[in-house]
Amino acid sequence: MCGNAASGYLCNRHKDKLAARLRELPTLYREVIECLVPRRTGWGDIVASHAAAGPRSPINEDVIDTVNWARATEVIHSWRADVRRVRWPHREGTPPARLDDDCRWLAQELDWIVMQYPAAGDLAREVAELNSAVRSVVGDPEPRPQRIGYCVALVGEGIVCGAVISRMPGETRLTCGWCGTVYGPEDYLTLRHFQPDAA
């Protein structure tokens, strides 16, 4: 998926993200139910010029268009069926589709998926898309990495690494994804001091 996998089809970072998203997905979709109550205004409400306008829908149809539990269940179940087909071709059928069960099953099979399943990157991307869509509705976007600057570690005689260093909100230890140098809070001033002016 990112080209950083030492072996298998996903690096550890993407494996961990996929595992977390599979754990969160059923809970997030349950939270969507609370968002089905229609808003009073917004998203292009039609304003009638006279009182003959019909009744409002009892649910917020915009949410249904954006996030659909049945679609998420279908997508995750199709991944479970495909992983099962590839891993155990001699077994017949899969259990009925249930989002909670299918997410839990995929999370339990993640070690095999990462090492043996060629479509692991596509699975990770599709789960990320479902996660992003549902989070946009419940108002809880995933935290994004914050760019800190450039790695200032020497990787050779007079050669500075220069890779971009990022961190997730709340992380205190920074690790260069290129050379592996770890910067703790005690290194922040040194790191800042040696940044190029453009940074």
Protein backbone atom coordinates (compact mmCIF):
# COMPACT_ATOMS: atom_id res chain seq x y z
CA MET A 1 0.00 0.00 0.00
CA CYS A 2 2.77 2.45 0.87
CA GLY A 3 5.82 0.50 -0.30
CA ASN A 4 7.27 0.29 3.22
CA ALA A 5 6.28 -3.30 3.97
CA ALA A 6 9.40 -5.30 4.80
CA SER A 7 7.45 -8.47 4.05
CA GLY A 8 3.85 -9.14 3.14
CA TYR A 9 1.42 -6.62 1.72
CA LEU A 10 1.06 -3.96 4.45
CA CYS A 11 3.57 -2.15 6.65
CA ASN A 12 3.05 -2.24 10.42
CA ARG A 13 1.63 1.29 10.46
CA HIS A 14 -1.06 0.47 7.90
CA LYS A 15 -1.78 -2.85 9.62
CA ASP A 16 -2.34 -1.06 12.94
CA LYS A 17 -4.59 1.54 11.27
CA LEU A 18 -6.64 -1.17 9.58
CA ALA A 19 -7.04 -3.05 12.88
CA ALA A 20 -8.18 0.14 14.67
CA ARG A 21 -10.64 1.02 11.90
CA LEU A 22 -12.14 -2.48 11.89
CA ARG A 23 -12.64 -2.23 15.68
CA GLU A 24 -14.24 1.25 15.44
CA LEU A 25 -16.47 0.78 12.40
CA PRO A 26 -19.50 -0.93 14.03
CA THR A 27 -19.54 1.59 16.89
CA LEU A 28 -19.34 4.53 14.50
CA TYR A 29 -22.19 3.18 12.40
CA ARG A 30 -24.32 2.81 15.53
CA GLU A 31 -23.61 6.49 16.32
CA VAL A 32 -25.00 7.45 12.91
CA ILE A 33 -28.49 6.51 14.13
CA GLU A 34 -28.38 9.57 16.41
CA CYS A 35 -27.65 11.74 13.37
CA LEU A 36 -30.79 10.66 11.53
CA VAL A 37 -32.97 13.33 13.17
CA PRO A 38 -33.38 16.02 10.49
CA ARG A 39 -31.82 19.44 10.95
CA ARG A 40 -33.96 22.57 10.98
CA THR A 41 -31.85 24.22 8.24
CA GLY A 42 -28.83 23.60 6.11
CA TRP A 43 -27.67 21.45 3.19
CA GLY A 44 -29.95 23.21 0.72
CA ASP A 45 -33.30 23.10 2.51
CA ILE A 46 -36.14 24.12 0.24
CA VAL A 47 -37.89 27.23 1.47
CA ALA A 48 -41.54 27.24 0.40
CA SER A 49 -43.11 30.53 -0.71
CA HIS A 50 -46.49 29.50 0.72
CA ALA A 51 -47.83 27.18 3.38
CA ALA A 52 -48.67 24.37 0.93
CA ALA A 53 -45.33 22.64 1.38
CA GLY A 54 -45.59 18.96 2.34
CA PRO A 55 -44.49 17.41 5.62
CA ARG A 56 -40.82 17.04 6.44
CA SER A 57 -39.25 13.62 6.31
CA PRO A 58 -38.97 12.07 9.78
CA ILE A 59 -35.31 11.24 9.10
CA ASN A 60 -32.32 13.16 7.78
CA GLU A 61 -32.04 11.78 4.23
CA ASP A 62 -28.64 13.43 3.71
CA VAL A 63 -27.17 11.07 6.29
CA ILE A 64 -28.70 8.04 4.59
CA ASP A 65 -27.20 9.17 1.27
CA THR A 66 -23.75 9.63 2.83
CA VAL A 67 -23.58 6.64 5.17
CA ASN A 68 -25.53 3.44 4.73
CA TRP A 69 -25.27 0.61 7.30
CA ALA A 70 -26.44 -1.96 4.74
CA ARG A 71 -23.75 -0.90 2.26
CA ALA A 72 -21.03 -1.03 4.92
CA THR A 73 -22.22 -4.47 5.99
CA GLU A 74 -22.23 -5.66 2.37
CA VAL A 75 -18.73 -4.30 1.69
CA ILE A 76 -17.15 -5.75 4.85
CA HIS A 77 -18.95 -9.08 4.36
CA SER A 78 -17.68 -9.34 0.77
CA TRP A 79 -14.11 -8.88 2.09
CA ARG A 80 -14.68 -11.59 4.71
CA ALA A 81 -16.03 -13.95 2.04
CA ASP A 82 -13.06 -13.28 -0.24
CA VAL A 83 -10.43 -13.72 2.48
CA ARG A 84 -12.13 -16.94 3.53
CA ARG A 85 -12.26 -18.14 -0.10
CA VAL A 86 -8.53 -17.48 -0.59
CA ARG A 87 -7.43 -18.85 2.77
CA TRP A 88 -9.72 -21.90 2.96
CA PRO A 89 -10.91 -22.70 -0.58
CA HIS A 90 -12.28 -26.10 0.52
CA ARG A 91 -14.73 -24.57 3.05
CA GLU A 92 -18.30 -23.94 1.98
CA GLY A 93 -20.03 -20.55 2.30
CA THR A 94 -19.71 -17.87 4.95
CA PRO A 95 -21.92 -17.05 7.94
CA PRO A 96 -24.68 -14.44 7.47
CA ALA A 97 -23.54 -10.84 7.03
CA ARG A 98 -23.28 -8.89 10.30
CA LEU A 99 -21.05 -5.84 10.47
CA ASP A 100 -19.84 -6.49 14.04
CA ASP A 101 -19.00 -10.15 13.39
CA ASP A 102 -17.36 -9.53 10.02
CA CYS A 103 -15.16 -6.69 11.34
CA ARG A 104 -14.13 -8.82 14.34
CA TRP A 105 -13.35 -11.80 12.08
CA LEU A 106 -11.24 -9.71 9.68
CA ALA A 107 -9.35 -8.18 12.63
CA GLN A 108 -8.59 -11.67 13.97
CA GLU A 109 -7.28 -12.76 10.56
CA LEU A 110 -5.15 -9.63 10.09
CA ASP A 111 -1.77 -11.33 10.54
CA TRP A 112 -2.57 -13.75 7.72
CA ILE A 113 -4.12 -11.00 5.58
CA VAL A 114 -0.99 -8.84 5.87
CA MET A 115 1.37 -11.69 5.00
CA GLN A 116 -0.59 -13.76 2.47
CA TYR A 117 -3.52 -11.81 0.98
CA PRO A 118 -2.59 -9.90 -2.21
CA ALA A 119 -5.63 -7.59 -1.95
CA ALA A 120 -4.69 -6.40 1.58
CA GLY A 121 -4.02 -2.87 0.32
CA ASP A 122 -7.44 -2.67 -1.35
CA LEU A 123 -9.08 -3.93 1.84
CA ALA A 124 -7.26 -1.28 3.89
CA ARG A 125 -8.26 1.48 1.44
CA GLU A 126 -11.93 0.47 1.37
CA VAL A 127 -12.18 0.22 5.16
CA ALA A 128 -10.51 3.65 5.40
CA GLU A 129 -13.11 5.10 3.00
CA LEU A 130 -16.01 3.65 5.02
CA ASN A 131 -14.42 4.96 8.22
CA SER A 132 -13.91 8.42 6.75
CA ALA A 133 -17.48 8.63 5.44
CA VAL A 134 -19.06 7.65 8.76
CA ARG A 135 -16.76 9.95 10.73
CA SER A 136 -17.78 12.89 8.50
CA VAL A 137 -21.37 12.35 9.64
CA VAL A 138 -20.78 11.82 13.36
CA GLY A 139 -18.41 14.81 13.47
CA ASP A 140 -15.35 12.92 14.64
CA PRO A 141 -12.73 13.13 11.87
CA GLU A 142 -9.62 10.99 12.17
CA PRO A 143 -6.62 12.86 13.54
CA ARG A 144 -4.22 13.91 10.82
CA PRO A 145 -0.43 13.89 11.07
CA GLN A 146 1.16 17.24 11.86
CA ARG A 147 4.28 18.13 9.89
CA ILE A 148 7.07 19.04 12.31
CA GLY A 149 10.03 19.67 10.01
CA TYR A 150 12.96 17.79 8.55
CA CYS A 151 15.12 15.09 10.09
CA VAL A 152 18.54 16.51 10.98
CA ALA A 153 20.28 13.20 11.72
CA LEU A 154 23.58 12.48 10.01
CA VAL A 155 23.26 9.36 7.83
CA GLY A 156 26.73 9.51 6.36
CA GLU A 157 29.83 11.67 6.45
CA GLY A 158 28.39 15.17 6.15
CA ILE A 159 25.06 13.85 4.84
CA VAL A 160 21.86 14.90 6.63
CA CYS A 161 18.79 12.68 6.29
CA GLY A 162 16.36 15.53 5.48
CA ALA A 163 13.19 13.41 5.44
CA VAL A 164 9.96 15.05 6.59
CA ILE A 165 9.07 14.29 10.21
CA SER A 166 5.40 14.16 11.21
CA ARG A 167 3.56 13.29 14.39
CA MET A 168 0.03 12.45 15.36
CA PRO A 169 -1.62 14.78 17.89
CA GLY A 170 -0.54 13.83 21.38
CA GLU A 171 2.62 11.97 20.35
CA THR A 172 5.72 13.19 22.16
CA ARG A 173 8.37 10.98 20.55
CA LEU A 174 9.06 11.64 16.89
CA THR A 175 10.49 8.93 14.65
CA CYS A 176 11.94 9.57 11.22
CA GLY A 177 10.27 7.20 8.80
CA TRP A 178 13.35 7.14 6.59
CA CYS A 179 16.38 6.68 8.84
CA GLY A 180 14.61 5.64 12.07
CA THR A 181 16.09 8.37 14.27
CA VAL A 182 13.95 8.98 17.36
CA TYR A 183 13.55 12.50 18.77
CA GLY A 184 12.25 12.94 22.31
CA PRO A 185 11.10 16.16 23.99
CA GLU A 186 14.71 16.80 25.03
CA ASP A 187 15.66 17.00 21.31
CA TYR A 188 12.98 19.48 20.19
CA LEU A 189 15.14 22.61 20.53
CA THR A 190 18.01 21.04 18.61
CA LEU A 191 15.63 19.83 15.92
CA ARG A 192 14.10 23.30 15.59
CA HIS A 193 17.48 25.03 15.59
CA PHE A 194 18.74 23.10 12.56
CA GLN A 195 15.64 23.45 10.39
CA PRO A 196 16.10 25.28 7.08
CA ASP A 197 14.57 28.77 6.97
CA ALA A 198 11.81 27.57 4.63
CA ALA A 199 10.59 25.04 7.21
